[in-house]
């Protein structure tokens, strides 16, 4: 049992080395910077493309029309950004995991 506790403390101390911390945080920072740059340049065009596709599909067009008739027309502006984020976040997580590996 003493060896188990000793190995735990050595592993915990190793995690606090600056090099280990830096190598753990660097891929996250790079992915965050990449997300910010891509968001800056492509956010509007992605929203326009998603809104165009949503308006082209009859099912989503009728669902969004129903939202407006119920009085939740402001939710229509929220749907496209949520879809863009729902598609972008998993891609960024996978990219970050690949960078760590």
N, C-alpha and C. Protein backbone atom coordinates (compact mmCIF):
# COMPACT_ATOMS: atom_id res chain seq x y z
N UNK A 1 0.83 -1.20 0.00
CA UNK A 1 0.00 0.00 0.00
C UNK A 1 0.87 1.26 0.00
N UNK A 2 2.01 1.17 0.68
CA UNK A 2 2.91 2.32 0.73
C UNK A 2 3.40 2.70 -0.66
N UNK A 3 3.68 1.71 -1.50
CA UNK A 3 4.15 1.99 -2.85
C UNK A 3 3.06 2.65 -3.70
N UNK A 4 1.81 2.24 -3.48
CA UNK A 4 0.70 2.84 -4.21
C UNK A 4 0.54 4.31 -3.87
N UNK A 5 0.58 4.63 -2.60
CA UNK A 5 0.46 6.03 -2.16
C UNK A 5 1.66 6.84 -2.64
N UNK A 6 2.84 6.24 -2.57
CA UNK A 6 4.04 6.94 -3.03
C UNK A 6 3.96 7.23 -4.53
N UNK A 7 3.50 6.27 -5.31
CA UNK A 7 3.39 6.49 -6.76
C UNK A 7 2.31 7.53 -7.08
N UNK A 8 1.25 7.58 -6.27
CA UNK A 8 0.22 8.60 -6.46
C UNK A 8 0.79 9.98 -6.25
N UNK A 9 1.54 10.18 -5.18
CA UNK A 9 2.09 11.51 -4.90
C UNK A 9 3.12 11.93 -5.94
N UNK A 10 3.91 10.95 -6.43
CA UNK A 10 4.88 11.29 -7.48
C UNK A 10 4.16 11.68 -8.77
N UNK A 11 3.08 10.98 -9.11
CA UNK A 11 2.32 11.32 -10.31
C UNK A 11 1.66 12.68 -10.17
N UNK A 12 1.12 12.97 -8.98
CA UNK A 12 0.50 14.27 -8.75
C UNK A 12 1.53 15.39 -8.84
N UNK A 13 2.71 15.17 -8.30
CA UNK A 13 3.76 16.19 -8.38
C UNK A 13 4.23 16.37 -9.81
N UNK A 14 4.28 15.30 -10.58
CA UNK A 14 4.71 15.39 -11.97
C UNK A 14 3.71 16.22 -12.78
N UNK A 15 2.44 16.14 -12.44
CA UNK A 15 1.43 16.92 -13.16
C UNK A 15 1.57 18.42 -12.92
N UNK A 16 2.29 18.82 -11.90
CA UNK A 16 2.45 20.24 -11.60
C UNK A 16 3.72 20.84 -12.19
N UNK A 17 4.48 20.05 -12.95
CA UNK A 17 5.65 20.60 -13.62
C UNK A 17 5.20 21.56 -14.71
N UNK A 18 5.90 22.67 -14.86
CA UNK A 18 5.49 23.66 -15.88
C UNK A 18 5.44 23.09 -17.30
N UNK A 19 6.36 22.20 -17.63
CA UNK A 19 6.36 21.63 -18.98
C UNK A 19 5.11 20.79 -19.22
N UNK A 20 4.70 20.01 -18.26
CA UNK A 20 3.51 19.18 -18.39
C UNK A 20 2.26 20.06 -18.48
N UNK A 21 2.21 21.08 -17.67
CA UNK A 21 1.06 22.01 -17.73
C UNK A 21 1.02 22.69 -19.08
N UNK A 22 2.17 23.15 -19.57
CA UNK A 22 2.21 23.83 -20.86
C UNK A 22 1.80 22.91 -22.00
N UNK A 23 2.28 21.67 -21.98
CA UNK A 23 1.92 20.72 -23.04
C UNK A 23 0.46 20.30 -22.96
N UNK A 24 -0.15 20.46 -21.81
CA UNK A 24 -1.57 20.16 -21.69
C UNK A 24 -2.45 21.32 -22.12
N UNK A 25 -2.00 22.54 -21.89
CA UNK A 25 -2.80 23.72 -22.19
C UNK A 25 -2.58 24.21 -23.62
N UNK A 26 -1.43 23.96 -24.19
CA UNK A 26 -1.11 24.47 -25.53
C UNK A 26 -2.10 24.03 -26.60
N UNK A 27 -2.48 22.76 -26.70
CA UNK A 27 -3.46 22.40 -27.74
C UNK A 27 -4.82 23.08 -27.55
N UNK A 28 -5.21 23.26 -26.31
CA UNK A 28 -6.47 23.95 -26.04
C UNK A 28 -6.38 25.41 -26.47
N UNK A 29 -5.27 26.06 -26.20
CA UNK A 29 -5.09 27.45 -26.62
C UNK A 29 -5.06 27.57 -28.15
N UNK A 30 -4.36 26.65 -28.80
CA UNK A 30 -4.30 26.69 -30.26
C UNK A 30 -5.68 26.47 -30.87
N UNK A 31 -6.44 25.55 -30.33
CA UNK A 31 -7.78 25.31 -30.83
C UNK A 31 -8.68 26.51 -30.57
N UNK A 32 -8.54 27.15 -29.44
CA UNK A 32 -9.32 28.35 -29.14
C UNK A 32 -8.99 29.49 -30.09
N UNK A 33 -7.72 29.68 -30.38
CA UNK A 33 -7.32 30.73 -31.32
C UNK A 33 -7.85 30.40 -32.72
N UNK A 34 -7.75 29.14 -33.12
CA UNK A 34 -8.27 28.73 -34.42
C UNK A 34 -9.78 28.95 -34.50
N UNK A 35 -10.50 28.64 -33.43
CA UNK A 35 -11.95 28.85 -33.41
C UNK A 35 -12.28 30.34 -33.51
N UNK A 36 -11.52 31.17 -32.83
CA UNK A 36 -11.76 32.61 -32.88
C UNK A 36 -11.49 33.17 -34.28
N UNK A 37 -10.41 32.73 -34.90
CA UNK A 37 -10.08 33.22 -36.24
C UNK A 37 -11.12 32.75 -37.26
N UNK A 38 -11.48 31.47 -37.20
CA UNK A 38 -12.48 30.97 -38.14
C UNK A 38 -13.84 31.62 -37.90
N UNK A 39 -14.18 31.85 -36.63
CA UNK A 39 -15.43 32.52 -36.31
C UNK A 39 -15.45 33.95 -36.81
N UNK A 40 -14.32 34.61 -36.72
CA UNK A 40 -14.25 36.00 -37.18
C UNK A 40 -14.45 36.10 -38.69
N UNK A 41 -13.83 35.19 -39.42
CA UNK A 41 -13.89 35.28 -40.87
C UNK A 41 -15.11 34.61 -41.49
N UNK A 42 -15.65 33.56 -40.87
CA UNK A 42 -16.68 32.76 -41.52
C UNK A 42 -18.01 32.71 -40.78
N UNK A 43 -18.19 33.46 -39.70
CA UNK A 43 -19.42 33.38 -38.92
C UNK A 43 -20.64 33.81 -39.73
N UNK A 44 -20.56 34.97 -40.35
CA UNK A 44 -21.71 35.49 -41.10
C UNK A 44 -22.06 34.59 -42.29
N UNK A 45 -21.06 34.14 -43.01
CA UNK A 45 -21.35 33.29 -44.16
C UNK A 45 -21.93 31.95 -43.72
N UNK A 46 -21.49 31.42 -42.59
CA UNK A 46 -22.06 30.17 -42.07
C UNK A 46 -23.51 30.38 -41.64
N UNK A 47 -23.79 31.51 -41.00
CA UNK A 47 -25.17 31.79 -40.60
C UNK A 47 -26.08 31.96 -41.80
N UNK A 48 -25.59 32.64 -42.83
CA UNK A 48 -26.40 32.84 -44.05
C UNK A 48 -26.67 31.50 -44.72
N UNK A 49 -25.67 30.63 -44.76
CA UNK A 49 -25.86 29.32 -45.39
C UNK A 49 -26.86 28.48 -44.61
N UNK A 50 -26.78 28.50 -43.29
CA UNK A 50 -27.72 27.72 -42.47
C UNK A 50 -29.13 28.29 -42.59
N UNK A 51 -29.26 29.60 -42.54
CA UNK A 51 -30.60 30.21 -42.69
C UNK A 51 -31.20 29.89 -44.06
N UNK A 52 -30.38 29.90 -45.09
CA UNK A 52 -30.87 29.58 -46.43
C UNK A 52 -31.36 28.14 -46.49
N UNK A 53 -30.61 27.23 -45.89
CA UNK A 53 -31.03 25.83 -45.88
C UNK A 53 -32.29 25.63 -45.04
N UNK A 54 -32.37 26.33 -43.93
CA UNK A 54 -33.57 26.20 -43.08
C UNK A 54 -34.81 26.72 -43.80
N UNK A 55 -34.67 27.80 -44.54
CA UNK A 55 -35.80 28.34 -45.28
C UNK A 55 -36.17 27.47 -46.48
N UNK A 56 -35.19 26.75 -47.04
CA UNK A 56 -35.45 25.92 -48.21
C UNK A 56 -36.20 24.64 -47.85
N UNK A 57 -36.01 24.12 -46.65
CA UNK A 57 -36.68 22.88 -46.24
C UNK A 57 -38.09 23.21 -45.78
N UNK A 58 -39.04 22.47 -46.28
CA UNK A 58 -40.45 22.75 -45.96
C UNK A 58 -40.77 22.45 -44.49
N UNK A 59 -40.16 21.41 -43.94
CA UNK A 59 -40.44 21.05 -42.55
C UNK A 59 -39.97 22.14 -41.58
N UNK A 60 -38.74 22.60 -41.77
CA UNK A 60 -38.25 23.66 -40.87
C UNK A 60 -38.95 24.98 -41.15
N UNK A 61 -39.31 25.22 -42.41
CA UNK A 61 -40.04 26.45 -42.73
C UNK A 61 -41.39 26.49 -42.02
N UNK A 62 -42.09 25.35 -42.01
CA UNK A 62 -43.38 25.32 -41.32
C UNK A 62 -43.20 25.38 -39.81
N UNK A 63 -42.14 24.76 -39.28
CA UNK A 63 -41.89 24.82 -37.83
C UNK A 63 -41.55 26.24 -37.40
N UNK A 64 -40.73 26.92 -38.19
CA UNK A 64 -40.39 28.31 -37.86
C UNK A 64 -41.59 29.23 -38.04
N UNK A 65 -42.43 28.93 -39.03
CA UNK A 65 -43.68 29.69 -39.18
C UNK A 65 -44.61 29.49 -38.01
N UNK A 66 -44.65 28.26 -37.50
CA UNK A 66 -45.47 27.98 -36.32
C UNK A 66 -44.94 28.75 -35.11
N UNK A 67 -43.62 28.82 -34.96
CA UNK A 67 -43.04 29.59 -33.85
C UNK A 67 -43.46 31.05 -33.91
N UNK A 68 -43.50 31.61 -35.12
CA UNK A 68 -43.92 33.00 -35.27
C UNK A 68 -45.40 33.17 -34.94
N UNK A 69 -46.21 32.19 -35.31
CA UNK A 69 -47.65 32.30 -35.02
C UNK A 69 -47.94 32.15 -33.53
N UNK A 70 -47.10 31.43 -32.82
CA UNK A 70 -47.28 31.25 -31.39
C UNK A 70 -46.81 32.49 -30.63
N UNK A 71 -45.97 33.29 -31.24
CA UNK A 71 -45.46 34.49 -30.59
C UNK A 71 -44.01 34.37 -30.21
N UNK A 72 -43.36 33.31 -30.68
CA UNK A 72 -41.94 33.13 -30.38
C UNK A 72 -41.11 33.39 -31.63
N UNK A 73 -41.42 34.44 -32.33
CA UNK A 73 -40.71 34.77 -33.57
C UNK A 73 -39.26 35.13 -33.34
N UNK A 74 -38.95 35.59 -32.14
CA UNK A 74 -37.55 35.94 -31.85
C UNK A 74 -36.68 34.70 -31.75
N UNK A 75 -37.28 33.53 -31.53
CA UNK A 75 -36.49 32.30 -31.50
C UNK A 75 -35.97 31.93 -32.88
N UNK A 76 -36.61 32.46 -33.92
CA UNK A 76 -36.17 32.19 -35.29
C UNK A 76 -34.74 32.68 -35.51
N UNK A 77 -34.40 33.79 -34.89
CA UNK A 77 -33.04 34.32 -35.04
C UNK A 77 -32.03 33.52 -34.23
N UNK A 78 -32.49 32.73 -33.30
CA UNK A 78 -31.60 31.96 -32.44
C UNK A 78 -31.29 30.57 -33.00
N UNK A 79 -32.11 30.08 -33.93
CA UNK A 79 -31.96 28.72 -34.42
C UNK A 79 -30.68 28.55 -35.23
N UNK A 80 -30.41 29.44 -36.16
CA UNK A 80 -29.23 29.31 -37.03
C UNK A 80 -27.92 29.36 -36.25
N UNK A 81 -27.72 30.31 -35.33
CA UNK A 81 -26.47 30.28 -34.56
C UNK A 81 -26.31 29.02 -33.71
N UNK A 82 -27.41 28.50 -33.19
CA UNK A 82 -27.32 27.27 -32.40
C UNK A 82 -26.91 26.08 -33.27
N UNK A 83 -27.40 26.04 -34.49
CA UNK A 83 -27.01 24.95 -35.39
C UNK A 83 -25.54 25.07 -35.77
N UNK A 84 -25.08 26.29 -36.04
CA UNK A 84 -23.67 26.49 -36.38
C UNK A 84 -22.78 26.08 -35.20
N UNK A 85 -23.16 26.46 -33.99
CA UNK A 85 -22.38 26.07 -32.82
C UNK A 85 -22.44 24.57 -32.58
N UNK A 86 -23.60 23.96 -32.80
CA UNK A 86 -23.74 22.52 -32.61
C UNK A 86 -22.88 21.74 -33.60
N UNK A 87 -22.61 22.31 -34.74
CA UNK A 87 -21.73 21.65 -35.71
C UNK A 87 -20.25 21.98 -35.47
N UNK A 88 -19.97 23.17 -34.96
CA UNK A 88 -18.58 23.60 -34.80
C UNK A 88 -17.93 23.05 -33.53
N UNK A 89 -18.68 22.97 -32.44
CA UNK A 89 -18.08 22.55 -31.17
C UNK A 89 -17.54 21.12 -31.22
N UNK A 90 -18.29 20.13 -31.73
CA UNK A 90 -17.70 18.80 -31.80
C UNK A 90 -16.47 18.73 -32.71
N UNK A 91 -16.48 19.49 -33.79
CA UNK A 91 -15.32 19.51 -34.67
C UNK A 91 -14.10 20.09 -33.95
N UNK A 92 -14.30 21.13 -33.16
CA UNK A 92 -13.18 21.73 -32.42
C UNK A 92 -12.70 20.81 -31.30
N UNK A 93 -13.61 20.09 -30.66
CA UNK A 93 -13.22 19.14 -29.61
C UNK A 93 -12.38 18.02 -30.21
N UNK A 94 -12.81 17.49 -31.34
CA UNK A 94 -12.05 16.43 -31.99
C UNK A 94 -10.69 16.95 -32.43
N UNK A 95 -10.65 18.15 -32.97
CA UNK A 95 -9.37 18.75 -33.36
C UNK A 95 -8.44 18.93 -32.17
N UNK A 96 -9.00 19.36 -31.05
CA UNK A 96 -8.20 19.53 -29.84
C UNK A 96 -7.67 18.18 -29.34
N UNK A 97 -8.49 17.16 -29.39
CA UNK A 97 -8.05 15.82 -28.97
C UNK A 97 -6.95 15.28 -29.90
N UNK A 98 -7.09 15.55 -31.19
CA UNK A 98 -6.04 15.13 -32.10
C UNK A 98 -4.75 15.90 -31.87
N UNK A 99 -4.86 17.16 -31.50
CA UNK A 99 -3.66 17.96 -31.21
C UNK A 99 -2.96 17.45 -29.95
N UNK A 100 -3.74 17.02 -28.98
CA UNK A 100 -3.14 16.50 -27.74
C UNK A 100 -2.45 15.17 -28.00
N UNK A 101 -3.08 14.37 -28.85
CA UNK A 101 -2.49 13.05 -29.14
C UNK A 101 -1.20 13.21 -29.91
